[in-house]
Amino acid sequence: MLFSLFMKSFKRHNCKRFDIFVTYNHYFIIKKWISYTSYNKIHEKGLNNYLSELYKSIENCNTGNSLFKLTHKTLTYQIHDLYVWRLIEKKFYDLQHDLTPKELSCIINYFKQIKINDSKIYDNSIDIILSTIDKYSIHDLSIICLSYTYFNKVNTIFMNKIADQIIKLYEQEKDNINNLTKKELKNTFISYVHIIGSYAKINHKNIEIFKIASLYIIAAFNADIKISSKMMIKTLTSYSNVKIKHTKILDLIAKQVPIMKITDDELRMMKNNFDQLKYSNETFNQYIQYRLF
């Protein structure tokens, strides 16, 4: 009776979390406060059935690609059930040699996106990554940088080795910068912005990384590629955090501000970063006066 009243009250308040009981390996495991997105598939099958099927699918998967897809599904449906994520972590170690660099880096990033901070996957995957680091693309490495610096899980030796590999990749590809399509250049630009953002977040002033990134940043601006205010602010903030005054990049950013969609708060943030770098631009200053004063 009390349980029935509780559930009616729960539904009345439009809550989307339920205490559920899941039968697993012939034991009853109490799962507390499962959070999920209200996708039709869950409503059609029922939460209990959906999670039971997911548990079984993860436990029975025997390829890296199937684990990758199941982990992506778990993230997409915003399932915060720690039991599921512990199971994914276990399968991650079991299938590590069957995962591609893209799949491996993405799975680690999914732990970050679901905001699971207490997992040992960040530490345990370091040697796994380093054993095949020469097979990782610049995009893969940028995803790894984002994942490892989000919770400040910083291993300086590891981040230095990632930086070394980024430099090696650049040396292999530097003669091809001018031959990149706009799409390829934009994707590479975004990867480097994430990389310098990660290093700046942990105050790791790797001059060579920022120097390489600047080449792709300048190329992206000059190629008339549409750059979001978010990416522009992240670029500026990264250079500001490590106190690198790259005047050419600052000029390009200041020139773009008046013709882009940007909020007042973002403008104030940019002005603060410019001030920290002791940089001044007449066009930007006039626009600030017009918008904020």
C-alpha atoms as a PDB file:
ATOM      1  CA  MET A   1       0.000   0.000   0.000  1.00  0.00           C
ATOM      2  CA  LEU A   2       2.708   2.467   1.012  1.00  0.00           C
ATOM      3  CA  PHE A   3       4.773   1.493  -2.031  1.00  0.00           C
ATOM      4  CA  SER A   4       1.748   2.115  -4.289  1.00  0.00           C
ATOM      5  CA  LEU A   5       1.192   5.570  -2.793  1.00  0.00           C
ATOM      6  CA  PHE A   6       4.891   6.325  -3.150  1.00  0.00           C
ATOM      7  CA  MET A   7       4.882   5.406  -6.843  1.00  0.00           C
ATOM      8  CA  LYS A   8       1.768   7.506  -7.506  1.00  0.00           C
ATOM      9  CA  SER A   9       3.466  10.464  -5.848  1.00  0.00           C
ATOM     10  CA  PHE A  10       6.604   9.744  -7.863  1.00  0.00           C
ATOM     11  CA  LYS A  11       4.709   9.814 -11.169  1.00  0.00           C
ATOM     12  CA  ARG A  12       2.822  12.957 -10.154  1.00  0.00           C
ATOM     13  CA  HIS A  13       6.127  14.783  -9.859  1.00  0.00           C
ATOM     14  CA  ASN A  14       7.291  13.553 -13.275  1.00  0.00           C
ATOM     15  CA  CYS A  15      10.347  11.904 -11.822  1.00  0.00           C
ATOM     16  CA  LYS A  16      12.413   9.865 -14.276  1.00  0.00           C
ATOM     17  CA  ARG A  17      14.330   7.726 -11.841  1.00  0.00           C
ATOM     18  CA  PHE A  18      13.294   4.408 -10.372  1.00  0.00           C
ATOM     19  CA  ASP A  19      14.654   2.030  -7.767  1.00  0.00           C
ATOM     20  CA  ILE A  20      14.766  -1.305  -9.547  1.00  0.00           C
ATOM     21  CA  PHE A  21      15.615  -4.874  -8.772  1.00  0.00           C
ATOM     22  CA  VAL A  22      17.566  -6.808 -11.341  1.00  0.00           C
ATOM     23  CA  THR A  23      18.035 -10.565 -11.361  1.00  0.00           C
ATOM     24  CA  TYR A  24      21.591 -11.389 -12.347  1.00  0.00           C
ATOM     25  CA  ASN A  25      23.460 -14.687 -12.053  1.00  0.00           C
ATOM     26  CA  HIS A  26      20.649 -15.998  -9.819  1.00  0.00           C
ATOM     27  CA  TYR A  27      21.168 -13.228  -7.261  1.00  0.00           C
ATOM     28  CA  PHE A  28      19.021 -10.186  -6.613  1.00  0.00           C
ATOM     29  CA  ILE A  29      21.058  -7.026  -6.940  1.00  0.00           C
ATOM     30  CA  ILE A  30      19.555  -3.766  -5.763  1.00  0.00           C
ATOM     31  CA  LYS A  31      20.279  -0.994  -8.282  1.00  0.00           C
ATOM     32  CA  LYS A  32      19.763   2.476  -6.855  1.00  0.00           C
ATOM     33  CA  TRP A  33      18.428   5.488  -8.697  1.00  0.00           C
ATOM     34  CA  ILE A  34      19.000   4.607 -12.309  1.00  0.00           C
ATOM     35  CA  SER A  35      19.028   7.784 -14.376  1.00  0.00           C
ATOM     36  CA  TYR A  36      18.168   7.612 -18.033  1.00  0.00           C
ATOM     37  CA  THR A  37      16.831   9.574 -20.980  1.00  0.00           C
ATOM     38  CA  SER A  38      13.164   8.962 -21.797  1.00  0.00           C
ATOM     39  CA  TYR A  39      13.659   7.290 -25.155  1.00  0.00           C
ATOM     40  CA  ASN A  40      10.706   5.428 -26.690  1.00  0.00           C
ATOM     41  CA  LYS A  41      12.608   2.154 -26.714  1.00  0.00           C
ATOM     42  CA  ILE A  42      12.852   2.147 -22.936  1.00  0.00           C
ATOM     43  CA  HIS A  43       9.168   2.960 -22.498  1.00  0.00           C
ATOM     44  CA  GLU A  44       8.119   0.273 -24.956  1.00  0.00           C
ATOM     45  CA  LYS A  45      10.123  -2.510 -23.341  1.00  0.00           C
ATOM     46  CA  GLY A  46      10.036  -1.315 -19.768  1.00  0.00           C
ATOM     47  CA  LEU A  47      13.086  -0.210 -17.806  1.00  0.00           C
ATOM     48  CA  ASN A  48      13.630  -3.577 -16.121  1.00  0.00           C
ATOM     49  CA  ASN A  49      13.633  -5.478 -19.396  1.00  0.00           C
ATOM     50  CA  TYR A  50      15.798  -2.908 -21.116  1.00  0.00           C
ATOM     51  CA  LEU A  51      18.495  -2.944 -18.438  1.00  0.00           C
ATOM     52  CA  SER A  52      18.394  -6.725 -18.151  1.00  0.00           C
ATOM     53  CA  GLU A  53      18.944  -7.030 -21.890  1.00  0.00           C
ATOM     54  CA  LEU A  54      21.735  -4.474 -21.759  1.00  0.00           C
ATOM     55  CA  TYR A  55      23.525  -6.336 -18.938  1.00  0.00           C
ATOM     56  CA  LYS A  56      23.307  -9.598 -20.847  1.00  0.00           C
ATOM     57  CA  SER A  57      24.463  -8.014 -24.103  1.00  0.00           C
ATOM     58  CA  ILE A  58      27.513  -6.453 -22.465  1.00  0.00           C
ATOM     59  CA  GLU A  59      28.436  -9.620 -20.601  1.00  0.00           C
ATOM     60  CA  ASN A  60      28.065 -11.770 -23.709  1.00  0.00           C
ATOM     61  CA  CYS A  61      29.802  -9.456 -26.177  1.00  0.00           C
ATOM     62  CA  ASN A  62      33.056 -10.938 -27.452  1.00  0.00           C
ATOM     63  CA  THR A  63      34.419  -8.334 -29.861  1.00  0.00           C
ATOM     64  CA  GLY A  64      35.850  -4.877 -29.332  1.00  0.00           C
ATOM     65  CA  ASN A  65      33.452  -3.364 -31.843  1.00  0.00           C
ATOM     66  CA  SER A  66      30.372  -4.793 -30.123  1.00  0.00           C
ATOM     67  CA  LEU A  67      31.603  -3.433 -26.774  1.00  0.00           C
ATOM     68  CA  PHE A  68      32.177  -0.038 -28.386  1.00  0.00           C
ATOM     69  CA  LYS A  69      28.624   0.031 -29.773  1.00  0.00           C
ATOM     70  CA  LEU A  70      27.067  -1.111 -26.501  1.00  0.00           C
ATOM     71  CA  THR A  71      29.036   1.487 -24.534  1.00  0.00           C
ATOM     72  CA  HIS A  72      27.900   4.193 -26.940  1.00  0.00           C
ATOM     73  CA  LYS A  73      24.298   3.029 -26.486  1.00  0.00           C
ATOM     74  CA  THR A  74      24.692   3.144 -22.691  1.00  0.00           C
ATOM     75  CA  LEU A  75      25.952   6.725 -22.955  1.00  0.00           C
ATOM     76  CA  THR A  76      23.254   7.731 -25.446  1.00  0.00           C
ATOM     77  CA  TYR A  77      20.507   6.528 -23.105  1.00  0.00           C
ATOM     78  CA  GLN A  78      22.251   8.285 -20.203  1.00  0.00           C
ATOM     79  CA  ILE A  79      22.358   5.195 -18.008  1.00  0.00           C
ATOM     80  CA  HIS A  80      24.366   6.082 -14.896  1.00  0.00           C
ATOM     81  CA  ASP A  81      24.101   2.628 -13.370  1.00  0.00           C
ATOM     82  CA  LEU A  82      27.552   1.933 -11.910  1.00  0.00           C
ATOM     83  CA  TYR A  83      27.045  -1.814 -12.242  1.00  0.00           C
ATOM     84  CA  VAL A  84      26.741  -1.426 -16.016  1.00  0.00           C
ATOM     85  CA  TRP A  85      29.825   0.764 -16.215  1.00  0.00           C
ATOM     86  CA  ARG A  86      31.870  -1.591 -14.022  1.00  0.00           C
ATOM     87  CA  LEU A  87      30.882  -4.403 -16.374  1.00  0.00           C
ATOM     88  CA  ILE A  88      31.915  -2.293 -19.371  1.00  0.00           C
ATOM     89  CA  GLU A  89      35.256  -1.581 -17.701  1.00  0.00           C
ATOM     90  CA  LYS A  90      35.871  -5.288 -17.099  1.00  0.00           C
ATOM     91  CA  LYS A  91      35.052  -6.130 -20.721  1.00  0.00           C
ATOM     92  CA  PHE A  92      37.276  -3.245 -21.823  1.00  0.00           C
ATOM     93  CA  TYR A  93      40.296  -4.974 -20.250  1.00  0.00           C
ATOM     94  CA  ASP A  94      39.253  -8.380 -21.585  1.00  0.00           C
ATOM     95  CA  LEU A  95      38.872  -7.098 -25.156  1.00  0.00           C
ATOM     96  CA  GLN A  96      41.609  -4.443 -25.187  1.00  0.00           C
ATOM     97  CA  HIS A  97      43.561  -6.129 -27.987  1.00  0.00           C
ATOM     98  CA  ASP A  98      40.458  -6.247 -30.178  1.00  0.00           C
ATOM     99  CA  LEU A  99      39.707  -2.522 -29.837  1.00  0.00           C
ATOM    100  CA  THR A 100      40.852  -0.049 -32.484  1.00  0.00           C
ATOM    101  CA  PRO A 101      42.511   3.188 -31.284  1.00  0.00           C
ATOM    102  CA  LYS A 102      39.313   5.069 -32.156  1.00  0.00           C
ATOM    103  CA  GLU A 103      37.125   2.634 -30.200  1.00  0.00           C
ATOM    104  CA  LEU A 104      39.487   2.567 -27.230  1.00  0.00           C
ATOM    105  CA  SER A 105      39.798   6.359 -26.988  1.00  0.00           C
ATOM    106  CA  CYS A 106      36.031   6.792 -27.383  1.00  0.00           C
ATOM    107  CA  ILE A 107      35.149   4.274 -24.663  1.00  0.00           C
ATOM    108  CA  ILE A 108      37.442   6.066 -22.210  1.00  0.00           C
ATOM    109  CA  ASN A 109      35.806   9.335 -23.233  1.00  0.00           C
ATOM    110  CA  TYR A 110      32.338   7.872 -22.630  1.00  0.00           C
ATOM    111  CA  PHE A 111      33.342   7.303 -18.988  1.00  0.00           C
ATOM    112  CA  LYS A 112      34.265  10.971 -18.878  1.00  0.00           C
ATOM    113  CA  GLN A 113      31.014  12.076 -20.543  1.00  0.00           C
ATOM    114  CA  ILE A 114      28.880  10.062 -18.133  1.00  0.00           C
ATOM    115  CA  LYS A 115      31.002  11.695 -15.386  1.00  0.00           C
ATOM    116  CA  ILE A 116      32.249   8.533 -13.702  1.00  0.00           C
ATOM    117  CA  ASN A 117      35.218   9.820 -11.743  1.00  0.00           C
ATOM    118  CA  ASP A 118      36.110   6.888  -9.496  1.00  0.00           C
ATOM    119  CA  SER A 119      36.866   4.374 -12.233  1.00  0.00           C
ATOM    120  CA  LYS A 120      40.407   2.996 -12.485  1.00  0.00           C
ATOM    121  CA  ILE A 121      40.105   2.875 -16.264  1.00  0.00           C
ATOM    122  CA  TYR A 122      42.029   6.143 -16.584  1.00  0.00           C
ATOM    123  CA  ASP A 123      45.095   4.720 -14.836  1.00  0.00           C
ATOM    124  CA  ASN A 124      44.828   1.176 -16.132  1.00  0.00           C
ATOM    125  CA  SER A 125      44.502   2.184 -19.773  1.00  0.00           C
ATOM    126  CA  ILE A 126      47.737   4.219 -19.860  1.00  0.00           C
ATOM    127  CA  ASP A 127      49.946   1.232 -20.685  1.00  0.00           C
ATOM    128  CA  ILE A 128      47.315  -0.067 -23.104  1.00  0.00           C
ATOM    129  CA  ILE A 129      47.405   3.222 -25.008  1.00  0.00           C
ATOM    130  CA  LEU A 130      51.180   3.597 -24.947  1.00  0.00           C
ATOM    131  CA  SER A 131      51.719   0.078 -26.287  1.00  0.00           C
ATOM    132  CA  THR A 132      50.178   1.078 -29.636  1.00  0.00           C
ATOM    133  CA  ILE A 133      50.396   4.867 -29.496  1.00  0.00           C
ATOM    134  CA  ASP A 134      51.921   5.076 -32.979  1.00  0.00           C
ATOM    135  CA  LYS A 135      48.579   3.879 -34.402  1.00  0.00           C
ATOM    136  CA  TYR A 136      46.529   6.745 -32.942  1.00  0.00           C
ATOM    137  CA  SER A 137      45.292   9.596 -35.127  1.00  0.00           C
ATOM    138  CA  ILE A 138      45.372  13.246 -34.046  1.00  0.00           C
ATOM    139  CA  HIS A 139      41.633  12.983 -33.374  1.00  0.00           C
ATOM    140  CA  ASP A 140      42.131   9.903 -31.165  1.00  0.00           C
ATOM    141  CA  LEU A 141      44.863  11.681 -29.208  1.00  0.00           C
ATOM    142  CA  SER A 142      42.703  14.773 -28.745  1.00  0.00           C
ATOM    143  CA  ILE A 143      39.913  12.610 -27.281  1.00  0.00           C
ATOM    144  CA  ILE A 144      42.404  11.000 -24.896  1.00  0.00           C
ATOM    145  CA  CYS A 145      43.685  14.420 -23.816  1.00  0.00           C
ATOM    146  CA  LEU A 146      40.133  15.598 -23.118  1.00  0.00           C
ATOM    147  CA  SER A 147      39.332  12.481 -21.096  1.00  0.00           C
ATOM    148  CA  TYR A 148      42.437  12.493 -18.926  1.00  0.00           C
ATOM    149  CA  THR A 149      42.365  16.178 -18.038  1.00  0.00           C
ATOM    150  CA  TYR A 150      38.628  16.490 -17.384  1.00  0.00           C
ATOM    151  CA  PHE A 151      38.890  15.109 -13.835  1.00  0.00           C
ATOM    152  CA  ASN A 152      42.484  16.332 -13.506  1.00  0.00           C
ATOM    153  CA  LYS A 153      43.664  12.720 -13.648  1.00  0.00           C
ATOM    154  CA  VAL A 154      47.061  13.881 -14.775  1.00  0.00           C
ATOM    155  CA  ASN A 155      50.039  11.633 -15.263  1.00  0.00           C
ATOM    156  CA  THR A 156      52.806  13.987 -16.407  1.00  0.00           C
ATOM    157  CA  ILE A 157      54.916  11.243 -17.991  1.00  0.00           C
ATOM    158  CA  PHE A 158      51.873  10.015 -19.919  1.00  0.00           C
ATOM    159  CA  MET A 159      50.947  13.514 -21.121  1.00  0.00           C
ATOM    160  CA  ASN A 160      54.547  14.095 -22.228  1.00  0.00           C
ATOM    161  CA  LYS A 161      54.469  10.879 -24.269  1.00  0.00           C
ATOM    162  CA  ILE A 162      51.166  11.935 -25.833  1.00  0.00           C
ATOM    163  CA  ALA A 163      52.803  15.256 -26.730  1.00  0.00           C
ATOM    164  CA  ASP A 164      55.765  13.443 -28.288  1.00  0.00           C
ATOM    165  CA  GLN A 165      53.392  11.424 -30.466  1.00  0.00           C
ATOM    166  CA  ILE A 166      51.484  14.553 -31.514  1.00  0.00           C
ATOM    167  CA  ILE A 167      54.779  16.110 -32.606  1.00  0.00           C
ATOM    168  CA  LYS A 168      55.681  12.947 -34.553  1.00  0.00           C
ATOM    169  CA  LEU A 169      52.315  13.017 -36.321  1.00  0.00           C
ATOM    170  CA  TYR A 170      52.864  16.639 -37.250  1.00  0.00           C
ATOM    171  CA  GLU A 171      56.309  15.876 -38.676  1.00  0.00           C
ATOM    172  CA  GLN A 172      54.737  13.173 -40.841  1.00  0.00           C
ATOM    173  CA  GLU A 173      51.900  15.381 -42.063  1.00  0.00           C
ATOM    174  CA  LYS A 174      53.289  18.941 -42.071  1.00  0.00           C
ATOM    175  CA  ASP A 175      53.889  19.018 -45.833  1.00  0.00           C
ATOM    176  CA  ASN A 176      50.236  18.206 -46.420  1.00  0.00           C
ATOM    177  CA  ILE A 177      48.621  21.099 -44.513  1.00  0.00           C
ATOM    178  CA  ASN A 178      47.973  23.147 -47.655  1.00  0.00           C
ATOM    179  CA  ASN A 179      46.409  20.134 -49.388  1.00  0.00           C
ATOM    180  CA  LEU A 180      43.760  19.487 -46.734  1.00  0.00           C
ATOM    181  CA  THR A 181      40.132  19.941 -47.727  1.00  0.00           C
ATOM    182  CA  LYS A 182      38.076  22.420 -45.705  1.00  0.00           C
ATOM    183  CA  LYS A 183      36.429  19.549 -43.845  1.00  0.00           C
ATOM    184  CA  GLU A 184      39.771  17.891 -43.063  1.00  0.00           C
ATOM    185  CA  LEU A 185      41.260  21.209 -41.953  1.00  0.00           C
ATOM    186  CA  LYS A 186      38.276  21.992 -39.734  1.00  0.00           C
ATOM    187  CA  ASN A 187      38.428  18.558 -38.069  1.00  0.00           C
ATOM    188  CA  THR A 188      42.183  18.874 -37.494  1.00  0.00           C
ATOM    189  CA  PHE A 189      41.721  22.416 -36.180  1.00  0.00           C
ATOM    190  CA  ILE A 190      39.098  21.196 -33.683  1.00  0.00           C
ATOM    191  CA  SER A 191      41.386  18.360 -32.559  1.00  0.00           C
ATOM    192  CA  TYR A 192      44.248  20.769 -31.894  1.00  0.00           C
ATOM    193  CA  VAL A 193      41.978  23.190 -30.033  1.00  0.00           C
ATOM    194  CA  HIS A 194      40.938  20.313 -27.757  1.00  0.00           C
ATOM    195  CA  ILE A 195      44.591  19.335 -27.309  1.00  0.00           C
ATOM    196  CA  ILE A 196      45.844  22.789 -26.326  1.00  0.00           C
ATOM    197  CA  GLY A 197      42.745  23.231 -24.153  1.00  0.00           C
ATOM    198  CA  SER A 198      43.631  20.046 -22.285  1.00  0.00           C
ATOM    199  CA  TYR A 199      47.266  20.993 -21.759  1.00  0.00           C
ATOM    200  CA  ALA A 200      46.292  24.521 -20.717  1.00  0.00           C
ATOM    201  CA  LYS A 201      43.750  23.135 -18.229  1.00  0.00           C
ATOM    202  CA  ILE A 202      46.508  21.317 -16.350  1.00  0.00           C
ATOM    203  CA  ASN A 203      48.892  24.260 -16.829  1.00  0.00           C
ATOM    204  CA  HIS A 204      51.237  22.157 -18.957  1.00  0.00           C
ATOM    205  CA  LYS A 205      53.013  24.739 -21.113  1.00  0.00           C
ATOM    206  CA  ASN A 206      54.337  22.611 -23.957  1.00  0.00           C
ATOM    207  CA  ILE A 207      55.606  25.283 -26.350  1.00  0.00           C
ATOM    208  CA  GLU A 208      56.029  22.879 -29.260  1.00  0.00           C
ATOM    209  CA  ILE A 209      52.419  21.672 -29.035  1.00  0.00           C
ATOM    210  CA  PHE A 210      51.099  25.240 -28.995  1.00  0.00           C
ATOM    211  CA  LYS A 211      53.388  26.167 -31.876  1.00  0.00           C
ATOM    212  CA  ILE A 212      52.106  23.272 -34.004  1.00  0.00           C
ATOM    213  CA  ALA A 213      48.494  24.031 -33.069  1.00  0.00           C
ATOM    214  CA  SER A 214      48.944  27.653 -34.133  1.00  0.00           C
ATOM    215  CA  LEU A 215      49.714  26.563 -37.708  1.00  0.00           C
ATOM    216  CA  TYR A 216      46.378  24.757 -38.032  1.00  0.00           C
ATOM    217  CA  ILE A 217      44.498  27.514 -36.188  1.00  0.00           C
ATOM    218  CA  ILE A 218      45.835  30.196 -38.535  1.00  0.00           C
ATOM    219  CA  ALA A 219      45.184  27.992 -41.572  1.00  0.00           C
ATOM    220  CA  ALA A 220      41.575  27.445 -40.450  1.00  0.00           C
ATOM    221  CA  PHE A 221      40.952  31.175 -40.030  1.00  0.00           C
ATOM    222  CA  ASN A 222      42.510  31.983 -43.402  1.00  0.00           C
ATOM    223  CA  ALA A 223      40.513  29.237 -45.141  1.00  0.00           C
ATOM    224  CA  ASP A 224      37.271  31.011 -44.277  1.00  0.00           C
ATOM    225  CA  ILE A 225      36.066  28.056 -42.227  1.00  0.00           C
ATOM    226  CA  LYS A 226      33.076  28.672 -39.985  1.00  0.00           C
ATOM    227  CA  ILE A 227      34.410  28.644 -36.436  1.00  0.00           C
ATOM    228  CA  SER A 228      32.015  28.634 -33.494  1.00  0.00           C
ATOM    229  CA  SER A 229      32.318  31.110 -30.649  1.00  0.00           C
ATOM    230  CA  LYS A 230      32.936  28.136 -28.339  1.00  0.00           C
ATOM    231  CA  MET A 231      36.015  27.024 -30.315  1.00  0.00           C
ATOM    232  CA  MET A 232      37.272  30.592 -30.605  1.00  0.00           C
ATOM    233  CA  ILE A 233      36.952  31.233 -26.884  1.00  0.00           C
ATOM    234  CA  LYS A 234      38.585  27.901 -26.059  1.00  0.00           C
ATOM    235  CA  THR A 235      41.523  28.792 -28.314  1.00  0.00           C
ATOM    236  CA  LEU A 236      41.925  32.213 -26.718  1.00  0.00           C
ATOM    237  CA  THR A 237      41.519  30.854 -23.177  1.00  0.00           C
ATOM    238  CA  SER A 238      44.141  28.162 -23.795  1.00  0.00           C
ATOM    239  CA  TYR A 239      46.792  30.652 -24.883  1.00  0.00           C
ATOM    240  CA  SER A 240      45.814  32.981 -22.049  1.00  0.00           C
ATOM    241  CA  ASN A 241      46.039  30.240 -19.393  1.00  0.00           C
ATOM    242  CA  VAL A 242      49.617  29.364 -20.332  1.00  0.00           C
ATOM    243  CA  LYS A 243      50.462  33.029 -21.003  1.00  0.00           C
ATOM    244  CA  ILE A 244      51.490  32.617 -24.639  1.00  0.00           C
ATOM    245  CA  LYS A 245      50.843  35.848 -26.536  1.00  0.00           C
ATOM    246  CA  HIS A 246      50.497  34.751 -30.156  1.00  0.00           C
ATOM    247  CA  THR A 247      49.688  38.123 -31.724  1.00  0.00           C
ATOM    248  CA  LYS A 248      48.712  36.756 -35.135  1.00  0.00           C
ATOM    249  CA  ILE A 249      46.098  34.423 -33.633  1.00  0.00           C
ATOM    250  CA  LEU A 250      44.825  37.158 -31.318  1.00  0.00           C
ATOM    251  CA  ASP A 251      44.451  39.511 -34.301  1.00  0.00           C
ATOM    252  CA  LEU A 252      42.475  36.902 -36.232  1.00  0.00           C
ATOM    253  CA  ILE A 253      40.177  36.247 -33.271  1.00  0.00           C
ATOM    254  CA  ALA A 254      39.605  39.957 -32.598  1.00  0.00           C
ATOM    255  CA  LYS A 255      38.746  40.489 -36.273  1.00  0.00           C
ATOM    256  CA  GLN A 256      36.096  37.737 -36.178  1.00  0.00           C
ATOM    257  CA  VAL A 257      34.278  38.854 -33.028  1.00  0.00           C
ATOM    258  CA  PRO A 258      32.097  41.640 -34.555  1.00  0.00           C
ATOM    259  CA  ILE A 259      30.700  39.310 -37.248  1.00  0.00           C
ATOM    260  CA  MET A 260      29.941  36.259 -35.122  1.00  0.00           C
ATOM    261  CA  LYS A 261      27.114  35.274 -32.801  1.00  0.00           C
ATOM    262  CA  ILE A 262      28.406  35.760 -29.282  1.00  0.00           C
ATOM    263  CA  THR A 263      26.830  36.483 -25.897  1.00  0.00           C
ATOM    264  CA  ASP A 264      27.728  39.358 -23.586  1.00  0.00           C
ATOM    265  CA  ASP A 265      29.208  36.923 -21.058  1.00  0.00           C
ATOM    266  CA  GLU A 266      31.398  35.390 -23.769  1.00  0.00           C
ATOM    267  CA  LEU A 267      32.533  38.879 -24.782  1.00  0.00           C
ATOM    268  CA  ARG A 268      33.513  39.665 -21.210  1.00  0.00           C
ATOM    269  CA  MET A 269      35.427  36.395 -21.020  1.00  0.00           C
ATOM    270  CA  MET A 270      37.312  37.250 -24.206  1.00  0.00           C
ATOM    271  CA  LYS A 271      38.102  40.740 -22.971  1.00  0.00           C
ATOM    272  CA  ASN A 272      39.453  39.291 -19.734  1.00  0.00           C
ATOM    273  CA  ASN A 273      41.698  36.894 -21.694  1.00  0.00           C
ATOM    274  CA  PHE A 274      42.945  39.706 -23.934  1.00  0.00           C
ATOM    275  CA  ASP A 275      43.680  41.821 -20.854  1.00  0.00           C
ATOM    276  CA  GLN A 276      45.617  38.978 -19.214  1.00  0.00           C
ATOM    277  CA  LEU A 277      47.785  38.743 -22.322  1.00  0.00           C
ATOM    278  CA  LYS A 278      48.138  42.550 -22.394  1.00  0.00           C
ATOM    279  CA  TYR A 279      46.731  42.566 -25.901  1.00  0.00           C
ATOM    280  CA  SER A 280      44.697  45.398 -27.373  1.00  0.00           C
ATOM    281  CA  ASN A 281      42.838  45.644 -30.666  1.00  0.00           C
ATOM    282  CA  GLU A 282      41.046  48.793 -31.802  1.00  0.00           C
ATOM    283  CA  THR A 283      38.240  46.972 -33.635  1.00  0.00           C
ATOM    284  CA  PHE A 284      37.576  44.699 -30.671  1.00  0.00           C
ATOM    285  CA  ASN A 285      37.696  47.598 -28.205  1.00  0.00           C
ATOM    286  CA  GLN A 286      35.163  49.587 -30.241  1.00  0.00           C
ATOM    287  CA  TYR A 287      32.868  46.586 -30.430  1.00  0.00           C
ATOM    288  CA  ILE A 288      33.129  46.038 -26.674  1.00  0.00           C
ATOM    289  CA  GLN A 289      32.163  49.674 -26.102  1.00  0.00           C
ATOM    290  CA  TYR A 290      29.185  49.284 -28.424  1.00  0.00           C
ATOM    291  CA  ARG A 291      27.961  46.015 -26.882  1.00  0.00           C
ATOM    292  CA  LEU A 292      28.734  46.321 -23.197  1.00  0.00           C
ATOM    293  CA  PHE A 293      28.771  50.005 -22.308  1.00  0.00           C
END
